[in-house]
């Protein structure tokens, strides 16, 4: 529970931090076969394909500076997802926000 909570707090916090004021953040829960998924989507500037490949790297901040972030949040979140036999993925395009999805094995 604490690991999942840590990942979700990071994803929601990032969605808020990277979105313009007065925009929306969506959280969607689904079950897809043996997987339980949580998707956090924002209306931020989005990520290029190159940025998507690097977003889970250690110390990666994608050009963001001065906010006190360490660039470890998504790196740790992705490692936690893998430790729980799941995965953390991103879908995005410049100008279209980002959708981060945490997929974990669903318990019956």
PDB file of N, CA and C in Angstrom:
ATOM      1  N   UNK A   1       0.821  -1.197   0.000  1.00  0.00           N
ATOM      2  CA  UNK A   1       0.000   0.000   0.000  1.00  0.00           C
ATOM      3  C   UNK A   1       0.865   1.261   0.000  1.00  0.00           C
ATOM      4  N   UNK A   2       1.889   1.293   0.844  1.00  0.00           N
ATOM      5  CA  UNK A   2       2.732   2.496   0.928  1.00  0.00           C
ATOM      6  C   UNK A   2       3.503   2.751  -0.362  1.00  0.00           C
ATOM      7  N   UNK A   3       3.948   1.682  -1.003  1.00  0.00           N
ATOM      8  CA  UNK A   3       4.667   1.858  -2.274  1.00  0.00           C
ATOM      9  C   UNK A   3       3.749   2.451  -3.336  1.00  0.00           C
ATOM     10  N   UNK A   4       2.542   1.908  -3.438  1.00  0.00           N
ATOM     11  CA  UNK A   4       1.579   2.426  -4.419  1.00  0.00           C
ATOM     12  C   UNK A   4       1.257   3.880  -4.102  1.00  0.00           C
ATOM     13  N   UNK A   5       1.041   4.174  -2.843  1.00  0.00           N
ATOM     14  CA  UNK A   5       0.744   5.547  -2.429  1.00  0.00           C
ATOM     15  C   UNK A   5       1.893   6.488  -2.790  1.00  0.00           C
ATOM     16  N   UNK A   6       3.125   6.059  -2.568  1.00  0.00           N
ATOM     17  CA  UNK A   6       4.286   6.889  -2.899  1.00  0.00           C
ATOM     18  C   UNK A   6       4.321   7.193  -4.397  1.00  0.00           C
ATOM     19  N   UNK A   7       4.064   6.190  -5.227  1.00  0.00           N
ATOM     20  CA  UNK A   7       4.061   6.398  -6.678  1.00  0.00           C
ATOM     21  C   UNK A   7       2.940   7.366  -7.068  1.00  0.00           C
ATOM     22  N   UNK A   8       1.742   7.152  -6.526  1.00  0.00           N
ATOM     23  CA  UNK A   8       0.608   8.014  -6.891  1.00  0.00           C
ATOM     24  C   UNK A   8       0.817   9.452  -6.437  1.00  0.00           C
ATOM     25  N   UNK A   9       1.353   9.645  -5.255  1.00  0.00           N
ATOM     26  CA  UNK A   9       1.643  11.009  -4.786  1.00  0.00           C
ATOM     27  C   UNK A   9       2.632  11.688  -5.723  1.00  0.00           C
ATOM     28  N   UNK A  10       3.634  10.945  -6.171  1.00  0.00           N
ATOM     29  CA  UNK A  10       4.611  11.518  -7.095  1.00  0.00           C
ATOM     30  C   UNK A  10       3.966  11.872  -8.428  1.00  0.00           C
ATOM     31  N   UNK A  11       3.157  10.969  -8.984  1.00  0.00           N
ATOM     32  CA  UNK A  11       2.531  11.226 -10.280  1.00  0.00           C
ATOM     33  C   UNK A  11       1.561  12.399 -10.218  1.00  0.00           C
ATOM     34  N   UNK A  12       0.753  12.447  -9.180  1.00  0.00           N
ATOM     35  CA  UNK A  12      -0.220  13.540  -9.044  1.00  0.00           C
ATOM     36  C   UNK A  12       0.508  14.860  -8.782  1.00  0.00           C
ATOM     37  N   UNK A  13       1.522  14.831  -7.936  1.00  0.00           N
ATOM     38  CA  UNK A  13       2.305  16.042  -7.662  1.00  0.00           C
ATOM     39  C   UNK A  13       2.970  16.582  -8.916  1.00  0.00           C
ATOM     40  N   UNK A  14       3.537  15.689  -9.728  1.00  0.00           N
ATOM     41  CA  UNK A  14       4.158  16.119 -10.984  1.00  0.00           C
ATOM     42  C   UNK A  14       3.118  16.674 -11.947  1.00  0.00           C
ATOM     43  N   UNK A  15       1.965  16.019 -12.037  1.00  0.00           N
ATOM     44  CA  UNK A  15       0.913  16.499 -12.944  1.00  0.00           C
ATOM     45  C   UNK A  15       0.499  17.914 -12.573  1.00  0.00           C
ATOM     46  N   UNK A  16       0.381  18.176 -11.292  1.00  0.00           N
ATOM     47  CA  UNK A  16       0.016  19.527 -10.836  1.00  0.00           C
ATOM     48  C   UNK A  16       1.150  20.509 -11.116  1.00  0.00           C
ATOM     49  N   UNK A  17       2.370  20.114 -10.801  1.00  0.00           N
ATOM     50  CA  UNK A  17       3.517  21.011 -10.959  1.00  0.00           C
ATOM     51  C   UNK A  17       3.801  21.349 -12.420  1.00  0.00           C
ATOM     52  N   UNK A  18       3.561  20.414 -13.332  1.00  0.00           N
ATOM     53  CA  UNK A  18       3.906  20.624 -14.736  1.00  0.00           C
ATOM     54  C   UNK A  18       2.733  21.127 -15.569  1.00  0.00           C
ATOM     55  N   UNK A  19       1.606  21.393 -14.946  1.00  0.00           N
ATOM     56  CA  UNK A  19       0.427  21.884 -15.671  1.00  0.00           C
ATOM     57  C   UNK A  19       0.231  23.374 -15.422  1.00  0.00           C
ATOM     58  N   UNK A  20      -0.317  24.078 -16.397  1.00  0.00           N
ATOM     59  CA  UNK A  20      -0.599  25.499 -16.179  1.00  0.00           C
ATOM     60  C   UNK A  20      -1.729  25.680 -15.164  1.00  0.00           C
ATOM     61  N   UNK A  21      -1.754  26.858 -14.554  1.00  0.00           N
ATOM     62  CA  UNK A  21      -2.846  27.171 -13.626  1.00  0.00           C
ATOM     63  C   UNK A  21      -4.178  27.048 -14.348  1.00  0.00           C
ATOM     64  N   UNK A  22      -5.202  26.702 -13.596  1.00  0.00           N
ATOM     65  CA  UNK A  22      -6.571  26.567 -14.107  1.00  0.00           C
ATOM     66  C   UNK A  22      -6.745  25.375 -15.061  1.00  0.00           C
ATOM     67  N   UNK A  23      -5.750  24.495 -15.138  1.00  0.00           N
ATOM     68  CA  UNK A  23      -5.910  23.303 -15.970  1.00  0.00           C
ATOM     69  C   UNK A  23      -6.405  22.153 -15.100  1.00  0.00           C
ATOM     70  N   UNK A  24      -6.636  21.017 -15.719  1.00  0.00           N
ATOM     71  CA  UNK A  24      -7.176  19.869 -15.000  1.00  0.00           C
ATOM     72  C   UNK A  24      -6.180  18.719 -14.979  1.00  0.00           C
ATOM     73  N   UNK A  25      -6.299  17.896 -13.939  1.00  0.00           N
ATOM     74  CA  UNK A  25      -5.559  16.648 -13.817  1.00  0.00           C
ATOM     75  C   UNK A  25      -6.605  15.553 -13.673  1.00  0.00           C
ATOM     76  N   UNK A  26      -6.447  14.476 -14.445  1.00  0.00           N
ATOM     77  CA  UNK A  26      -7.397  13.366 -14.380  1.00  0.00           C
ATOM     78  C   UNK A  26      -6.715  12.158 -13.764  1.00  0.00           C
ATOM     79  N   UNK A  27      -7.490  11.409 -13.000  1.00  0.00           N
ATOM     80  CA  UNK A  27      -7.022  10.143 -12.438  1.00  0.00           C
ATOM     81  C   UNK A  27      -8.045   9.089 -12.827  1.00  0.00           C
ATOM     82  N   UNK A  28      -7.575   8.030 -13.461  1.00  0.00           N
ATOM     83  CA  UNK A  28      -8.485   6.983 -13.930  1.00  0.00           C
ATOM     84  C   UNK A  28      -8.001   5.626 -13.423  1.00  0.00           C
ATOM     85  N   UNK A  29      -8.910   4.860 -12.854  1.00  0.00           N
ATOM     86  CA  UNK A  29      -8.627   3.506 -12.386  1.00  0.00           C
ATOM     87  C   UNK A  29      -9.288   2.529 -13.335  1.00  0.00           C
ATOM     88  N   UNK A  30      -8.575   1.471 -13.699  1.00  0.00           N
ATOM     89  CA  UNK A  30      -9.113   0.462 -14.611  1.00  0.00           C
ATOM     90  C   UNK A  30      -8.611  -0.910 -14.211  1.00  0.00           C
ATOM     91  N   UNK A  31      -9.295  -1.892 -14.742  1.00  0.00           N
ATOM     92  CA  UNK A  31      -8.816  -3.275 -14.665  1.00  0.00           C
ATOM     93  C   UNK A  31      -8.747  -3.776 -16.089  1.00  0.00           C
ATOM     94  N   UNK A  32      -7.565  -4.207 -16.508  1.00  0.00           N
ATOM     95  CA  UNK A  32      -7.357  -4.703 -17.865  1.00  0.00           C
ATOM     96  C   UNK A  32      -6.800  -6.114 -17.756  1.00  0.00           C
ATOM     97  N   UNK A  33      -7.705  -7.089 -17.811  1.00  0.00           N
ATOM     98  CA  UNK A  33      -7.297  -8.482 -17.640  1.00  0.00           C
ATOM     99  C   UNK A  33      -6.680  -8.679 -16.271  1.00  0.00           C
ATOM    100  N   UNK A  34      -5.453  -9.192 -16.232  1.00  0.00           N
ATOM    101  CA  UNK A  34      -4.812  -9.441 -14.938  1.00  0.00           C
ATOM    102  C   UNK A  34      -4.170  -8.196 -14.312  1.00  0.00           C
ATOM    103  N   UNK A  35      -4.356  -7.036 -14.927  1.00  0.00           N
ATOM    104  CA  UNK A  35      -3.706  -5.811 -14.477  1.00  0.00           C
ATOM    105  C   UNK A  35      -4.698  -4.809 -13.901  1.00  0.00           C
ATOM    106  N   UNK A  36      -4.309  -4.179 -12.815  1.00  0.00           N
ATOM    107  CA  UNK A  36      -5.002  -3.007 -12.292  1.00  0.00           C
ATOM    108  C   UNK A  36      -4.160  -1.808 -12.718  1.00  0.00           C
ATOM    109  N   UNK A  37      -4.804  -0.794 -13.278  1.00  0.00           N
ATOM    110  CA  UNK A  37      -4.055   0.364 -13.752  1.00  0.00           C
ATOM    111  C   UNK A  37      -4.605   1.652 -13.152  1.00  0.00           C
ATOM    112  N   UNK A  38      -3.705   2.569 -12.915  1.00  0.00           N
ATOM    113  CA  UNK A  38      -4.051   3.924 -12.505  1.00  0.00           C
ATOM    114  C   UNK A  38      -3.340   4.848 -13.478  1.00  0.00           C
ATOM    115  N   UNK A  39      -4.111   5.702 -14.148  1.00  0.00           N
ATOM    116  CA  UNK A  39      -3.535   6.658 -15.087  1.00  0.00           C
ATOM    117  C   UNK A  39      -3.747   8.065 -14.550  1.00  0.00           C
ATOM    118  N   UNK A  40      -2.671   8.835 -14.545  1.00  0.00           N
ATOM    119  CA  UNK A  40      -2.716  10.242 -14.149  1.00  0.00           C
ATOM    120  C   UNK A  40      -2.377  11.047 -15.394  1.00  0.00           C
ATOM    121  N   UNK A  41      -3.312  11.893 -15.815  1.00  0.00           N
ATOM    122  CA  UNK A  41      -3.133  12.681 -17.042  1.00  0.00           C
ATOM    123  C   UNK A  41      -3.203  14.165 -16.715  1.00  0.00           C
ATOM    124  N   UNK A  42      -2.395  14.952 -17.413  1.00  0.00           N
ATOM    125  CA  UNK A  42      -2.372  16.396 -17.174  1.00  0.00           C
ATOM    126  C   UNK A  42      -2.508  17.156 -18.489  1.00  0.00           C
ATOM    127  N   UNK A  43      -2.579  18.468 -18.375  1.00  0.00           N
ATOM    128  CA  UNK A  43      -2.672  19.355 -19.529  1.00  0.00           C
ATOM    129  C   UNK A  43      -1.417  20.206 -19.667  1.00  0.00           C
ATOM    130  N   UNK A  44      -0.291  19.625 -19.287  1.00  0.00           N
ATOM    131  CA  UNK A  44       0.979  20.340 -19.371  1.00  0.00           C
ATOM    132  C   UNK A  44       1.493  20.426 -20.794  1.00  0.00           C
ATOM    133  N   UNK A  45       2.752  20.824 -20.930  1.00  0.00           N
ATOM    134  CA  UNK A  45       3.345  21.050 -22.254  1.00  0.00           C
ATOM    135  C   UNK A  45       3.610  19.763 -23.015  1.00  0.00           C
ATOM    136  N   UNK A  46       3.562  18.632 -22.340  1.00  0.00           N
ATOM    137  CA  UNK A  46       3.806  17.351 -23.000  1.00  0.00           C
ATOM    138  C   UNK A  46       5.279  17.047 -23.131  1.00  0.00           C
ATOM    139  N   UNK A  47       5.567  15.845 -23.619  1.00  0.00           N
ATOM    140  CA  UNK A  47       6.943  15.376 -23.742  1.00  0.00           C
ATOM    141  C   UNK A  47       7.191  14.881 -25.158  1.00  0.00           C
ATOM    142  N   UNK A  48       8.350  15.206 -25.690  1.00  0.00           N
ATOM    143  CA  UNK A  48       8.751  14.680 -26.991  1.00  0.00           C
ATOM    144  C   UNK A  48       9.114  13.200 -26.827  1.00  0.00           C
ATOM    145  N   UNK A  49       9.303  12.507 -27.938  1.00  0.00           N
ATOM    146  CA  UNK A  49       9.713  11.097 -27.859  1.00  0.00           C
ATOM    147  C   UNK A  49      11.043  10.955 -27.134  1.00  0.00           C
ATOM    148  N   UNK A  50      11.952  11.860 -27.392  1.00  0.00           N
ATOM    149  CA  UNK A  50      13.259  11.836 -26.726  1.00  0.00           C
ATOM    150  C   UNK A  50      13.102  12.019 -25.215  1.00  0.00           C
ATOM    151  N   UNK A  51      12.260  12.954 -24.810  1.00  0.00           N
ATOM    152  CA  UNK A  51      12.027  13.181 -23.381  1.00  0.00           C
ATOM    153  C   UNK A  51      11.344  11.988 -22.737  1.00  0.00           C
ATOM    154  N   UNK A  52      10.439  11.343 -23.452  1.00  0.00           N
ATOM    155  CA  UNK A  52       9.759  10.167 -22.914  1.00  0.00           C
ATOM    156  C   UNK A  52      10.750   9.039 -22.631  1.00  0.00           C
ATOM    157  N   UNK A  53      11.766   8.903 -23.481  1.00  0.00           N
ATOM    158  CA  UNK A  53      12.774   7.858 -23.268  1.00  0.00           C
ATOM    159  C   UNK A  53      13.633   8.146 -22.040  1.00  0.00           C
ATOM    160  N   UNK A  54      13.770   9.424 -21.651  1.00  0.00           N
ATOM    161  CA  UNK A  54      14.640   9.809 -20.535  1.00  0.00           C
ATOM    162  C   UNK A  54      13.903  10.100 -19.237  1.00  0.00           C
ATOM    163  N   UNK A  55      12.584  10.229 -19.261  1.00  0.00           N
ATOM    164  CA  UNK A  55      11.839  10.747 -18.121  1.00  0.00           C
ATOM    165  C   UNK A  55      12.000   9.907 -16.849  1.00  0.00           C
ATOM    166  N   UNK A  56      12.290   8.604 -16.990  1.00  0.00           N
ATOM    167  CA  UNK A  56      12.449   7.738 -15.826  1.00  0.00           C
ATOM    168  C   UNK A  56      13.910   7.567 -15.420  1.00  0.00           C
ATOM    169  N   UNK A  57      14.824   8.304 -16.065  1.00  0.00           N
ATOM    170  CA  UNK A  57      16.244   8.217 -15.729  1.00  0.00           C
ATOM    171  C   UNK A  57      16.541   8.928 -14.408  1.00  0.00           C
ATOM    172  N   UNK A  58      17.544   8.424 -13.727  1.00  0.00           N
ATOM    173  CA  UNK A  58      17.972   9.001 -12.457  1.00  0.00           C
ATOM    174  C   UNK A  58      18.456  10.444 -12.676  1.00  0.00           C
ATOM    175  N   UNK A  59      18.000  11.346 -11.842  1.00  0.00           N
ATOM    176  CA  UNK A  59      18.353  12.773 -11.833  1.00  0.00           C
ATOM    177  C   UNK A  59      17.835  13.552 -13.045  1.00  0.00           C
ATOM    178  N   UNK A  60      16.953  12.966 -13.824  1.00  0.00           N
ATOM    179  CA  UNK A  60      16.411  13.655 -15.003  1.00  0.00           C
ATOM    180  C   UNK A  60      15.326  14.637 -14.572  1.00  0.00           C
ATOM    181  N   UNK A  61      15.466  15.882 -14.992  1.00  0.00           N
ATOM    182  CA  UNK A  61      14.488  16.916 -14.638  1.00  0.00           C
ATOM    183  C   UNK A  61      13.915  17.586 -15.878  1.00  0.00           C
ATOM    184  N   UNK A  62      14.348  17.175 -17.048  1.00  0.00           N
ATOM    185  CA  UNK A  62      13.836  17.676 -18.330  1.00  0.00           C
ATOM    186  C   UNK A  62      13.803  19.197 -18.413  1.00  0.00           C
ATOM    187  N   UNK A  63      14.922  19.808 -18.066  1.00  0.00           N
ATOM    188  CA  UNK A  63      15.062  21.241 -18.223  1.00  0.00           C
ATOM    189  C   UNK A  63      14.425  22.075 -17.139  1.00  0.00           C
ATOM    190  N   UNK A  64      13.850  21.445 -16.169  1.00  0.00           N
ATOM    191  CA  UNK A  64      13.196  22.193 -15.097  1.00  0.00           C
ATOM    192  C   UNK A  64      14.246  22.583 -14.063  1.00  0.00           C
ATOM    193  N   UNK A  65      14.213  23.814 -13.618  1.00  0.00           N
ATOM    194  CA  UNK A  65      15.201  24.246 -12.648  1.00  0.00           C
ATOM    195  C   UNK A  65      14.605  25.140 -11.588  1.00  0.00           C
ATOM    196  N   UNK A  66      15.296  25.236 -10.457  1.00  0.00           N
ATOM    197  CA  UNK A  66      14.920  26.182  -9.428  1.00  0.00           C
ATOM    198  C   UNK A  66      13.747  25.803  -8.548  1.00  0.00           C
ATOM    199  N   UNK A  67      13.213  24.588  -8.682  1.00  0.00           N
ATOM    200  CA  UNK A  67      12.055  24.222  -7.867  1.00  0.00           C
ATOM    201  C   UNK A  67      12.421  23.319  -6.706  1.00  0.00           C
ATOM    202  N   UNK A  68      13.691  22.980  -6.588  1.00  0.00           N
ATOM    203  CA  UNK A  68      14.120  22.136  -5.485  1.00  0.00           C
ATOM    204  C   UNK A  68      13.972  20.653  -5.748  1.00  0.00           C
ATOM    205  N   UNK A  69      13.443  20.263  -6.910  1.00  0.00           N
ATOM    206  CA  UNK A  69      13.296  18.843  -7.231  1.00  0.00           C
ATOM    207  C   UNK A  69      14.650  18.209  -7.494  1.00  0.00           C
ATOM    208  N   UNK A  70      14.754  16.920  -7.192  1.00  0.00           N
ATOM    209  CA  UNK A  70      16.025  16.222  -7.343  1.00  0.00           C
ATOM    210  C   UNK A  70      16.122  15.413  -8.623  1.00  0.00           C
ATOM    211  N   UNK A  71      15.010  15.233  -9.332  1.00  0.00           N
ATOM    212  CA  UNK A  71      15.026  14.382 -10.506  1.00  0.00           C
ATOM    213  C   UNK A  71      15.009  12.904 -10.161  1.00  0.00           C
ATOM    214  N   UNK A  72      14.579  12.564  -8.959  1.00  0.00           N
ATOM    215  CA  UNK A  72      14.532  11.169  -8.532  1.00  0.00           C
ATOM    216  C   UNK A  72      13.120  10.604  -8.448  1.00  0.00           C
ATOM    217  N   UNK A  73      12.099  11.432  -8.456  1.00  0.00           N
ATOM    218  CA  UNK A  73      10.734  10.972  -8.224  1.00  0.00           C
ATOM    219  C   UNK A  73      10.265   9.918  -9.203  1.00  0.00           C
ATOM    220  N   UNK A  74      10.373  10.178 -10.500  1.00  0.00           N
ATOM    221  CA  UNK A  74       9.916   9.208 -11.491  1.00  0.00           C
ATOM    222  C   UNK A  74      10.853   8.009 -11.571  1.00  0.00           C
ATOM    223  N   UNK A  75      12.136   8.233 -11.331  1.00  0.00           N
ATOM    224  CA  UNK A  75      13.090   7.126 -11.296  1.00  0.00           C
ATOM    225  C   UNK A  75      12.711   6.148 -10.177  1.00  0.00           C
ATOM    226  N   UNK A  76      12.481   6.666  -8.982  1.00  0.00           N
ATOM    227  CA  UNK A  76      12.099   5.824  -7.848  1.00  0.00           C
ATOM    228  C   UNK A  76      10.736   5.185  -8.099  1.00  0.00           C
ATOM    229  N   UNK A  77       9.800   5.948  -8.629  1.00  0.00           N
ATOM    230  CA  UNK A  77       8.465   5.415  -8.906  1.00  0.00           C
ATOM    231  C   UNK A  77       8.533   4.235  -9.877  1.00  0.00           C
ATOM    232  N   UNK A  78       9.327   4.352 -10.930  1.00  0.00           N
ATOM    233  CA  UNK A  78       9.462   3.260 -11.899  1.00  0.00           C
ATOM    234  C   UNK A  78      10.099   2.035 -11.255  1.00  0.00           C
ATOM    235  N   UNK A  79      11.077   2.253 -10.396  1.00  0.00           N
ATOM    236  CA  UNK A  79      11.721   1.123  -9.696  1.00  0.00           C
ATOM    237  C   UNK A  79      10.742   0.454  -8.735  1.00  0.00           C
ATOM    238  N   UNK A  80       9.941   1.252  -8.040  1.00  0.00           N
ATOM    239  CA  UNK A  80       8.932   0.676  -7.146  1.00  0.00           C
ATOM    240  C   UNK A  80       7.921  -0.144  -7.938  1.00  0.00           C
ATOM    241  N   UNK A  81       7.487   0.368  -9.085  1.00  0.00           N
ATOM    242  CA  UNK A  81       6.539  -0.377  -9.917  1.00  0.00           C
ATOM    243  C   UNK A  81       7.128  -1.733 -10.311  1.00  0.00           C
ATOM    244  N   UNK A  82       8.378  -1.738 -10.747  1.00  0.00           N
ATOM    245  CA  UNK A  82       9.017  -3.007 -11.124  1.00  0.00           C
ATOM    246  C   UNK A  82       9.156  -3.936  -9.922  1.00  0.00           C
ATOM    247  N   UNK A  83       9.454  -3.395  -8.748  1.00  0.00           N
ATOM    248  CA  UNK A  83       9.587  -4.207  -7.528  1.00  0.00           C
ATOM    249  C   UNK A  83       8.265  -4.865  -7.151  1.00  0.00           C
ATOM    250  N   UNK A  84       7.145  -4.272  -7.595  1.00  0.00           N
ATOM    251  CA  UNK A  84       5.817  -4.837  -7.326  1.00  0.00           C
ATOM    252  C   UNK A  84       5.330  -5.656  -8.517  1.00  0.00           C
ATOM    253  N   UNK A  85       6.251  -6.073  -9.401  1.00  0.00           N
ATOM    254  CA  UNK A  85       5.942  -6.847 -10.606  1.00  0.00           C
ATOM    255  C   UNK A  85       5.037  -6.100 -11.574  1.00  0.00           C
ATOM    256  N   UNK A  86       5.169  -4.784 -11.597  1.00  0.00           N
ATOM    257  CA  UNK A  86       4.377  -3.964 -12.498  1.00  0.00           C
ATOM    258  C   UNK A  86       5.263  -3.100 -13.359  1.00  0.00           C
ATOM    259  N   UNK A  87       4.664  -2.041 -13.892  1.00  0.00           N
ATOM    260  CA  UNK A  87       5.436  -1.105 -14.700  1.00  0.00           C
ATOM    261  C   UNK A  87       4.800   0.274 -14.649  1.00  0.00           C
ATOM    262  N   UNK A  88       5.616   1.268 -14.918  1.00  0.00           N
ATOM    263  CA  UNK A  88       5.177   2.650 -15.012  1.00  0.00           C
ATOM    264  C   UNK A  88       5.530   3.125 -16.413  1.00  0.00           C
ATOM    265  N   UNK A  89       4.534   3.616 -17.148  1.00  0.00           N
ATOM    266  CA  UNK A  89       4.759   4.047 -18.524  1.00  0.00           C
ATOM    267  C   UNK A  89       4.252   5.466 -18.720  1.00  0.00           C
ATOM    268  N   UNK A  90       4.672   6.069 -19.821  1.00  0.00           N
ATOM    269  CA  UNK A  90       4.225   7.418 -20.160  1.00  0.00           C
ATOM    270  C   UNK A  90       3.796   7.445 -21.620  1.00  0.00           C
ATOM    271  N   UNK A  91       2.741   8.194 -21.888  1.00  0.00           N
ATOM    272  CA  UNK A  91       2.296   8.513 -23.244  1.00  0.00           C
ATOM    273  C   UNK A  91       2.152  10.018 -23.292  1.00  0.00           C
ATOM    274  N   UNK A  92       2.704  10.628 -24.334  1.00  0.00           N
ATOM    275  CA  UNK A  92       2.655  12.079 -24.409  1.00  0.00           C
ATOM    276  C   UNK A  92       2.993  12.548 -25.816  1.00  0.00           C
ATOM    277  N   UNK A  93       2.730  13.802 -26.046  1.00  0.00           N
ATOM    278  CA  UNK A  93       3.141  14.482 -27.269  1.00  0.00           C
ATOM    279  C   UNK A  93       3.264  15.959 -26.934  1.00  0.00           C
ATOM    280  N   UNK A  94       4.210  16.658 -27.561  1.00  0.00           N
ATOM    281  CA  UNK A  94       4.352  18.082 -27.283  1.00  0.00           C
ATOM    282  C   UNK A  94       3.028  18.820 -27.474  1.00  0.00           C
ATOM    283  N   UNK A  95       2.668  19.631 -26.496  1.00  0.00           N
ATOM    284  CA  UNK A  95       1.452  20.421 -26.552  1.00  0.00           C
ATOM    285  C   UNK A  95       0.190  19.675 -26.158  1.00  0.00           C
ATOM    286  N   UNK A  96       0.317  18.399 -25.784  1.00  0.00           N
ATOM    287  CA  UNK A  96      -0.868  17.598 -25.480  1.00  0.00           C
ATOM    288  C   UNK A  96      -0.844  16.972 -24.091  1.00  0.00           C
ATOM    289  N   UNK A  97      -0.021  17.463 -23.208  1.00  0.00           N
ATOM    290  CA  UNK A  97       0.016  16.917 -21.858  1.00  0.00           C
ATOM    291  C   UNK A  97       0.676  15.551 -21.821  1.00  0.00           C
ATOM    292  N   UNK A  98       0.577  14.907 -20.656  1.00  0.00           N
ATOM    293  CA  UNK A  98       1.194  13.603 -20.465  1.00  0.00           C
ATOM    294  C   UNK A  98       0.242  12.699 -19.699  1.00  0.00           C
ATOM    295  N   UNK A  99       0.346  11.391 -19.967  1.00  0.00           N
ATOM    296  CA  UNK A  99      -0.431  10.379 -19.257  1.00  0.00           C
ATOM    297  C   UNK A  99       0.537   9.343 -18.723  1.00  0.00           C
ATOM    298  N   UNK A 100       0.648   9.271 -17.416  1.00  0.00           N
ATOM    299  CA  UNK A 100       1.483   8.274 -16.763  1.00  0.00           C
ATOM    300  C   UNK A 100       0.571   7.172 -16.244  1.00  0.00           C
ATOM    301  N   UNK A 101       0.927   5.915 -16.543  1.00  0.00           N
ATOM    302  CA  UNK A 101       0.094   4.795 -16.124  1.00  0.00           C
ATOM    303  C   UNK A 101       0.921   3.824 -15.290  1.00  0.00           C
ATOM    304  N   UNK A 102       0.406   3.550 -14.098  1.00  0.00           N
ATOM    305  CA  UNK A 102       0.968   2.542 -13.211  1.00  0.00           C
ATOM    306  C   UNK A 102       0.129   1.283 -13.397  1.00  0.00           C
ATOM    307  N   UNK A 103       0.762   0.198 -13.829  1.00  0.00           N
ATOM    308  CA  UNK A 103       0.078  -1.082 -14.023  1.00  0.00           C
ATOM    309  C   UNK A 103       0.658  -2.093 -13.046  1.00  0.00           C
ATOM    310  N   UNK A 104      -0.218  -2.712 -12.267  1.00  0.00           N
ATOM    311  CA  UNK A 104       0.198  -3.703 -11.279  1.00  0.00           C
ATOM    312  C   UNK A 104      -0.667  -4.942 -11.403  1.00  0.00           C
ATOM    313  N   UNK A 105      -0.119  -6.108 -11.042  1.00  0.00           N
ATOM    314  CA  UNK A 105      -0.951  -7.305 -11.061  1.00  0.00           C
ATOM    315  C   UNK A 105      -2.156  -7.109 -10.141  1.00  0.00           C
ATOM    316  N   UNK A 106      -3.351  -7.418 -10.662  1.00  0.00           N
ATOM    317  CA  UNK A 106      -4.568  -7.284  -9.876  1.00  0.00           C
ATOM    318  C   UNK A 106      -4.731  -8.533  -9.017  1.00  0.00           C
ATOM    319  N   UNK A 107      -5.113  -8.333  -7.790  1.00  0.00           N
ATOM    320  CA  UNK A 107      -5.386  -9.467  -6.909  1.00  0.00           C
ATOM    321  C   UNK A 107      -6.837  -9.875  -7.080  1.00  0.00           C
ATOM    322  N   UNK A 108      -7.095 -11.147  -7.029  1.00  0.00           N
ATOM    323  CA  UNK A 108      -8.475 -11.647  -7.166  1.00  0.00           C
ATOM    324  C   UNK A 108      -9.226 -11.545  -5.875  1.00  0.00           C
TER     325      UNK A 108
END
